[in-house]
Amino acid sequence: MQLINKNAIVTGGSQGIGKGIAIALAQAGADVLIQYNSSKDKALATVDEIRKLGRKSFAIQADFRENGAPELFS
């Protein structure tokens, strides 16, 4: 699967299955936005792994159960 110049959003992308999906998307060529709820350090570690693959990546904290703007970390 080739995803060159595509963007992906992975909810729960800081660990476990979500992290695996985020890495696989990046390996296929996508730039990846990682959403996390409370695992900021793990999310930023996943972002670093994706960037080492030569893709753009950012982490965003958001609890989709609550109203309000999420906080973006780059």
PDB file of N, CA and C in Angstrom:
ATOM      1  N   MET A   1       0.847  -1.173   0.000  1.00  0.00           N
ATOM      2  CA  MET A   1       0.000   0.000   0.000  1.00  0.00           C
ATOM      3  C   MET A   1       0.894   1.237   0.000  1.00  0.00           C
ATOM      4  N   GLN A   2       0.687   2.123  -0.937  1.00  0.00           N
ATOM      5  CA  GLN A   2       1.442   3.368  -1.021  1.00  0.00           C
ATOM      6  C   GLN A   2       0.558   4.539  -0.601  1.00  0.00           C
ATOM      7  N   LEU A   3       1.059   5.308   0.356  1.00  0.00           N
ATOM      8  CA  LEU A   3       0.302   6.456   0.858  1.00  0.00           C
ATOM      9  C   LEU A   3       1.110   7.748   0.750  1.00  0.00           C
ATOM     10  N   ILE A   4       1.987   7.815  -0.260  1.00  0.00           N
ATOM     11  CA  ILE A   4       2.821   8.998  -0.448  1.00  0.00           C
ATOM     12  C   ILE A   4       1.929  10.231  -0.589  1.00  0.00           C
ATOM     13  N   ASN A   5       2.296  11.292   0.160  1.00  0.00           N
ATOM     14  CA  ASN A   5       1.579  12.572   0.144  1.00  0.00           C
ATOM     15  C   ASN A   5       0.144  12.477   0.651  1.00  0.00           C
ATOM     16  N   LYS A   6      -0.146  11.476   1.464  1.00  0.00           N
ATOM     17  CA  LYS A   6      -1.448  11.352   2.114  1.00  0.00           C
ATOM     18  C   LYS A   6      -1.279  11.699   3.585  1.00  0.00           C
ATOM     19  N   ASN A   7      -2.361  12.068   4.229  1.00  0.00           N
ATOM     20  CA  ASN A   7      -2.364  12.370   5.657  1.00  0.00           C
ATOM     21  C   ASN A   7      -3.248  11.366   6.376  1.00  0.00           C
ATOM     22  N   ALA A   8      -2.842  11.025   7.593  1.00  0.00           N
ATOM     23  CA  ALA A   8      -3.624  10.083   8.392  1.00  0.00           C
ATOM     24  C   ALA A   8      -3.772  10.620   9.803  1.00  0.00           C
ATOM     25  N   ILE A   9      -4.898  10.320  10.415  1.00  0.00           N
ATOM     26  CA  ILE A   9      -5.136  10.619  11.829  1.00  0.00           C
ATOM     27  C   ILE A   9      -5.361   9.290  12.523  1.00  0.00           C
ATOM     28  N   VAL A  10      -4.608   9.063  13.597  1.00  0.00           N
ATOM     29  CA  VAL A  10      -4.758   7.822  14.352  1.00  0.00           C
ATOM     30  C   VAL A  10      -5.152   8.174  15.776  1.00  0.00           C
ATOM     31  N   THR A  11      -6.374   7.806  16.161  1.00  0.00           N
ATOM     32  CA  THR A  11      -6.805   8.018  17.536  1.00  0.00           C
ATOM     33  C   THR A  11      -6.206   6.902  18.386  1.00  0.00           C
ATOM     34  N   GLY A  12      -5.752   7.264  19.567  1.00  0.00           N
ATOM     35  CA  GLY A  12      -5.113   6.280  20.429  1.00  0.00           C
ATOM     36  C   GLY A  12      -3.785   5.821  19.859  1.00  0.00           C
ATOM     37  N   GLY A  13      -3.094   6.706  19.151  1.00  0.00           N
ATOM     38  CA  GLY A  13      -1.866   6.330  18.455  1.00  0.00           C
ATOM     39  C   GLY A  13      -0.610   6.353  19.292  1.00  0.00           C
ATOM     40  N   SER A  14      -0.721   6.541  20.586  1.00  0.00           N
ATOM     41  CA  SER A  14       0.486   6.633  21.409  1.00  0.00           C
ATOM     42  C   SER A  14       1.019   5.286  21.864  1.00  0.00           C
ATOM     43  N   GLN A  15       0.208   4.242  21.775  1.00  0.00           N
ATOM     44  CA  GLN A  15       0.660   2.939  22.258  1.00  0.00           C
ATOM     45  C   GLN A  15      -0.194   1.819  21.677  1.00  0.00           C
ATOM     46  N   GLY A  16       0.273   0.612  21.846  1.00  0.00           N
ATOM     47  CA  GLY A  16      -0.494  -0.566  21.454  1.00  0.00           C
ATOM     48  C   GLY A  16      -0.808  -0.636  19.970  1.00  0.00           C
ATOM     49  N   ILE A  17      -2.020  -1.085  19.662  1.00  0.00           N
ATOM     50  CA  ILE A  17      -2.455  -1.258  18.276  1.00  0.00           C
ATOM     51  C   ILE A  17      -2.422   0.073  17.526  1.00  0.00           C
ATOM     52  N   GLY A  18      -2.860   1.153  18.165  1.00  0.00           N
ATOM     53  CA  GLY A  18      -2.860   2.462  17.519  1.00  0.00           C
ATOM     54  C   GLY A  18      -1.467   2.887  17.101  1.00  0.00           C
ATOM     55  N   LYS A  19      -0.483   2.660  17.962  1.00  0.00           N
ATOM     56  CA  LYS A  19       0.898   2.988  17.624  1.00  0.00           C
ATOM     57  C   LYS A  19       1.349   2.159  16.427  1.00  0.00           C
ATOM     58  N   GLY A  20       1.038   0.882  16.425  1.00  0.00           N
ATOM     59  CA  GLY A  20       1.419   0.014  15.315  1.00  0.00           C
ATOM     60  C   GLY A  20       0.814   0.480  14.006  1.00  0.00           C
ATOM     61  N   ILE A  21      -0.433   0.907  14.054  1.00  0.00           N
ATOM     62  CA  ILE A  21      -1.103   1.416  12.856  1.00  0.00           C
ATOM     63  C   ILE A  21      -0.433   2.710  12.393  1.00  0.00           C
ATOM     64  N   ALA A  22      -0.128   3.602  13.326  1.00  0.00           N
ATOM     65  CA  ALA A  22       0.517   4.874  12.980  1.00  0.00           C
ATOM     66  C   ALA A  22       1.867   4.638  12.303  1.00  0.00           C
ATOM     67  N   ILE A  23       2.667   3.729  12.850  1.00  0.00           N
ATOM     68  CA  ILE A  23       3.977   3.418  12.273  1.00  0.00           C
ATOM     69  C   ILE A  23       3.806   2.799  10.884  1.00  0.00           C
ATOM     70  N   ALA A  24       2.859   1.885  10.727  1.00  0.00           N
ATOM     71  CA  ALA A  24       2.629   1.243   9.428  1.00  0.00           C
ATOM     72  C   ALA A  24       2.197   2.267   8.380  1.00  0.00           C
ATOM     73  N   LEU A  25       1.347   3.209   8.761  1.00  0.00           N
ATOM     74  CA  LEU A  25       0.923   4.256   7.827  1.00  0.00           C
ATOM     75  C   LEU A  25       2.111   5.109   7.400  1.00  0.00           C
ATOM     76  N   ALA A  26       2.977   5.449   8.352  1.00  0.00           N
ATOM     77  CA  ALA A  26       4.168   6.235   8.033  1.00  0.00           C
ATOM     78  C   ALA A  26       5.113   5.450   7.123  1.00  0.00           C
ATOM     79  N   GLN A  27       5.276   4.169   7.388  1.00  0.00           N
ATOM     80  CA  GLN A  27       6.133   3.340   6.542  1.00  0.00           C
ATOM     81  C   GLN A  27       5.595   3.260   5.114  1.00  0.00           C
ATOM     82  N   ALA A  28       4.282   3.395   4.979  1.00  0.00           N
ATOM     83  CA  ALA A  28       3.659   3.372   3.654  1.00  0.00           C
ATOM     84  C   ALA A  28       3.705   4.750   2.985  1.00  0.00           C
ATOM     85  N   GLY A  29       4.207   5.768   3.706  1.00  0.00           N
ATOM     86  CA  GLY A  29       4.404   7.084   3.112  1.00  0.00           C
ATOM     87  C   GLY A  29       3.514   8.197   3.617  1.00  0.00           C
ATOM     88  N   ALA A  30       2.627   7.918   4.542  1.00  0.00           N
ATOM     89  CA  ALA A  30       1.703   8.943   5.040  1.00  0.00           C
ATOM     90  C   ALA A  30       2.342   9.795   6.131  1.00  0.00           C
ATOM     91  N   ASP A  31       1.916  11.047   6.204  1.00  0.00           N
ATOM     92  CA  ASP A  31       2.196  11.891   7.356  1.00  0.00           C
ATOM     93  C   ASP A  31       1.095  11.589   8.372  1.00  0.00           C
ATOM     94  N   VAL A  32       1.456  11.551   9.672  1.00  0.00           N
ATOM     95  CA  VAL A  32       0.517  11.016  10.655  1.00  0.00           C
ATOM     96  C   VAL A  32       0.327  11.957  11.842  1.00  0.00           C
ATOM     97  N   LEU A  33      -0.934  12.255  12.138  1.00  0.00           N
ATOM     98  CA  LEU A  33      -1.315  12.977  13.343  1.00  0.00           C
ATOM     99  C   LEU A  33      -1.723  11.943  14.382  1.00  0.00           C
ATOM    100  N   ILE A  34      -1.105  12.015  15.551  1.00  0.00           N
ATOM    101  CA  ILE A  34      -1.382  11.098  16.649  1.00  0.00           C
ATOM    102  C   ILE A  34      -2.287  11.799  17.657  1.00  0.00           C
ATOM    103  N   GLN A  35      -3.442  11.223  17.942  1.00  0.00           N
ATOM    104  CA  GLN A  35      -4.305  11.726  19.003  1.00  0.00           C
ATOM    105  C   GLN A  35      -4.077  10.845  20.220  1.00  0.00           C
ATOM    106  N   TYR A  36      -3.956  11.494  21.376  1.00  0.00           N
ATOM    107  CA  TYR A  36      -3.838  10.748  22.624  1.00  0.00           C
ATOM    108  C   TYR A  36      -4.695  11.426  23.677  1.00  0.00           C
ATOM    109  N   ASN A  37      -5.036  10.686  24.713  1.00  0.00           N
ATOM    110  CA  ASN A  37      -5.832  11.248  25.791  1.00  0.00           C
ATOM    111  C   ASN A  37      -4.947  11.658  26.960  1.00  0.00           C
ATOM    112  N   SER A  38      -4.079  10.745  27.442  1.00  0.00           N
ATOM    113  CA  SER A  38      -3.303  11.061  28.635  1.00  0.00           C
ATOM    114  C   SER A  38      -1.833  10.640  28.567  1.00  0.00           C
ATOM    115  N   SER A  39      -1.412   9.987  27.515  1.00  0.00           N
ATOM    116  CA  SER A  39      -0.039   9.466  27.433  1.00  0.00           C
ATOM    117  C   SER A  39       0.834  10.354  26.553  1.00  0.00           C
ATOM    118  N   LYS A  40       1.058  11.595  26.998  1.00  0.00           N
ATOM    119  CA  LYS A  40       1.812  12.567  26.201  1.00  0.00           C
ATOM    120  C   LYS A  40       3.207  12.048  25.849  1.00  0.00           C
ATOM    121  N   ASP A  41       3.946  11.536  26.825  1.00  0.00           N
ATOM    122  CA  ASP A  41       5.314  11.069  26.566  1.00  0.00           C
ATOM    123  C   ASP A  41       5.338   9.946  25.535  1.00  0.00           C
ATOM    124  N   LYS A  42       4.401   9.024  25.632  1.00  0.00           N
ATOM    125  CA  LYS A  42       4.335   7.925  24.667  1.00  0.00           C
ATOM    126  C   LYS A  42       3.945   8.442  23.285  1.00  0.00           C
ATOM    127  N   ALA A  43       3.049   9.403  23.246  1.00  0.00           N
ATOM    128  CA  ALA A  43       2.635   9.979  21.963  1.00  0.00           C
ATOM    129  C   ALA A  43       3.812  10.682  21.294  1.00  0.00           C
ATOM    130  N   LEU A  44       4.567  11.451  22.057  1.00  0.00           N
ATOM    131  CA  LEU A  44       5.713  12.155  21.489  1.00  0.00           C
ATOM    132  C   LEU A  44       6.806  11.179  21.060  1.00  0.00           C
ATOM    133  N   ALA A  45       6.937  10.055  21.747  1.00  0.00           N
ATOM    134  CA  ALA A  45       7.895   9.025  21.327  1.00  0.00           C
ATOM    135  C   ALA A  45       7.467   8.420  19.988  1.00  0.00           C
ATOM    136  N   THR A  46       6.175   8.214  19.805  1.00  0.00           N
ATOM    137  CA  THR A  46       5.670   7.704  18.529  1.00  0.00           C
ATOM    138  C   THR A  46       5.908   8.723  17.423  1.00  0.00           C
ATOM    139  N   VAL A  47       5.674   9.996  17.714  1.00  0.00           N
ATOM    140  CA  VAL A  47       5.945  11.068  16.752  1.00  0.00           C
ATOM    141  C   VAL A  47       7.415  11.026  16.331  1.00  0.00           C
ATOM    142  N   ASP A  48       8.318  10.875  17.294  1.00  0.00           N
ATOM    143  CA  ASP A  48       9.747  10.810  16.979  1.00  0.00           C
ATOM    144  C   ASP A  48      10.056   9.623  16.065  1.00  0.00           C
ATOM    145  N   GLU A  49       9.467   8.474  16.341  1.00  0.00           N
ATOM    146  CA  GLU A  49       9.691   7.294  15.496  1.00  0.00           C
ATOM    147  C   GLU A  49       9.238   7.558  14.064  1.00  0.00           C
ATOM    148  N   ILE A  50       8.091   8.201  13.925  1.00  0.00           N
ATOM    149  CA  ILE A  50       7.557   8.495  12.591  1.00  0.00           C
ATOM    150  C   ILE A  50       8.449   9.492  11.866  1.00  0.00           C
ATOM    151  N   ARG A  51       8.910  10.510  12.570  1.00  0.00           N
ATOM    152  CA  ARG A  51       9.793  11.501  11.950  1.00  0.00           C
ATOM    153  C   ARG A  51      11.116  10.870  11.502  1.00  0.00           C
ATOM    154  N   LYS A  52      11.592   9.890  12.243  1.00  0.00           N
ATOM    155  CA  LYS A  52      12.816   9.181  11.846  1.00  0.00           C
ATOM    156  C   LYS A  52      12.614   8.402  10.543  1.00  0.00           C
ATOM    157  N   LEU A  53      11.368   8.110  10.217  1.00  0.00           N
ATOM    158  CA  LEU A  53      11.046   7.449   8.951  1.00  0.00           C
ATOM    159  C   LEU A  53      10.952   8.461   7.798  1.00  0.00           C
ATOM    160  N   GLY A  54      11.169   9.747   8.118  1.00  0.00           N
ATOM    161  CA  GLY A  54      11.132  10.784   7.100  1.00  0.00           C
ATOM    162  C   GLY A  54       9.757  11.359   6.826  1.00  0.00           C
ATOM    163  N   ARG A  55       8.805  11.079   7.706  1.00  0.00           N
ATOM    164  CA  ARG A  55       7.450  11.580   7.538  1.00  0.00           C
ATOM    165  C   ARG A  55       7.175  12.685   8.558  1.00  0.00           C
ATOM    166  N   LYS A  56       6.206  13.535   8.271  1.00  0.00           N
ATOM    167  CA  LYS A  56       5.761  14.548   9.218  1.00  0.00           C
ATOM    168  C   LYS A  56       4.844  13.876  10.233  1.00  0.00           C
ATOM    169  N   SER A  57       4.929  14.359  11.473  1.00  0.00           N
ATOM    170  CA  SER A  57       4.058  13.812  12.508  1.00  0.00           C
ATOM    171  C   SER A  57       3.900  14.820  13.628  1.00  0.00           C
ATOM    172  N   PHE A  58       2.724  14.831  14.219  1.00  0.00           N
ATOM    173  CA  PHE A  58       2.395  15.693  15.339  1.00  0.00           C
ATOM    174  C   PHE A  58       1.516  14.913  16.299  1.00  0.00           C
ATOM    175  N   ALA A  59       1.501  15.356  17.556  1.00  0.00           N
ATOM    176  CA  ALA A  59       0.624  14.750  18.559  1.00  0.00           C
ATOM    177  C   ALA A  59      -0.374  15.802  19.025  1.00  0.00           C
ATOM    178  N   ILE A  60      -1.583  15.376  19.238  1.00  0.00           N
ATOM    179  CA  ILE A  60      -2.620  16.275  19.722  1.00  0.00           C
ATOM    180  C   ILE A  60      -3.351  15.604  20.885  1.00  0.00           C
ATOM    181  N   GLN A  61      -3.472  16.340  21.978  1.00  0.00           N
ATOM    182  CA  GLN A  61      -4.187  15.819  23.140  1.00  0.00           C
ATOM    183  C   GLN A  61      -5.646  16.168  22.973  1.00  0.00           C
ATOM    184  N   ALA A  62      -6.498  15.178  23.071  1.00  0.00           N
ATOM    185  CA  ALA A  62      -7.936  15.422  22.968  1.00  0.00           C
ATOM    186  C   ALA A  62      -8.693  14.296  23.636  1.00  0.00           C
ATOM    187  N   ASP A  63      -9.639  14.683  24.462  1.00  0.00           N
ATOM    188  CA  ASP A  63     -10.582  13.729  25.025  1.00  0.00           C
ATOM    189  C   ASP A  63     -11.889  13.987  24.295  1.00  0.00           C
ATOM    190  N   PHE A  64     -12.224  13.113  23.368  1.00  0.00           N
ATOM    191  CA  PHE A  64     -13.376  13.350  22.512  1.00  0.00           C
ATOM    192  C   PHE A  64     -14.703  13.266  23.253  1.00  0.00           C
ATOM    193  N   ARG A  65     -14.655  12.918  24.529  1.00  0.00           N
ATOM    194  CA  ARG A  65     -15.883  12.888  25.322  1.00  0.00           C
ATOM    195  C   ARG A  65     -16.230  14.267  25.860  1.00  0.00           C
ATOM    196  N   GLU A  66     -15.273  15.243  25.747  1.00  0.00           N
ATOM    197  CA  GLU A  66     -15.479  16.567  26.311  1.00  0.00           C
ATOM    198  C   GLU A  66     -15.489  17.629  25.226  1.00  0.00           C
ATOM    199  N   ASN A  67     -16.215  18.714  25.468  1.00  0.00           N
ATOM    200  CA  ASN A  67     -16.214  19.856  24.562  1.00  0.00           C
ATOM    201  C   ASN A  67     -14.954  20.673  24.792  1.00  0.00           C
ATOM    202  N   GLY A  68     -14.528  21.401  23.791  1.00  0.00           N
ATOM    203  CA  GLY A  68     -13.373  22.280  23.939  1.00  0.00           C
ATOM    204  C   GLY A  68     -12.295  21.972  22.919  1.00  0.00           C
ATOM    205  N   ALA A  69     -11.404  22.915  22.764  1.00  0.00           N
ATOM    206  CA  ALA A  69     -10.329  22.786  21.778  1.00  0.00           C
ATOM    207  C   ALA A  69      -9.208  21.884  22.318  1.00  0.00           C
ATOM    208  N   PRO A  70      -8.697  20.998  21.474  1.00  0.00           N
ATOM    209  CA  PRO A  70      -7.555  20.175  21.895  1.00  0.00           C
ATOM    210  C   PRO A  70      -6.272  21.006  21.895  1.00  0.00           C
ATOM    211  N   GLU A  71      -5.260  20.491  22.566  1.00  0.00           N
ATOM    212  CA  GLU A  71      -3.967  21.147  22.670  1.00  0.00           C
ATOM    213  C   GLU A  71      -3.002  20.469  21.720  1.00  0.00           C
ATOM    214  N   LEU A  72      -2.286  21.236  20.881  1.00  0.00           N
ATOM    215  CA  LEU A  72      -1.384  20.707  19.862  1.00  0.00           C
ATOM    216  C   LEU A  72       0.069  20.815  20.317  1.00  0.00           C
ATOM    217  N   PHE A  73       0.836  19.736  20.159  1.00  0.00           N
ATOM    218  CA  PHE A  73       2.260  19.722  20.454  1.00  0.00           C
ATOM    219  C   PHE A  73       2.987  19.333  19.178  1.00  0.00           C
ATOM    220  N   SER A  74       4.033  20.028  18.849  1.00  0.00           N
ATOM    221  CA  SER A  74       4.782  19.656  17.645  1.00  0.00           C
ATOM    222  C   SER A  74       6.238  19.402  17.975  1.00  0.00           C
TER     223      SER A  74
END
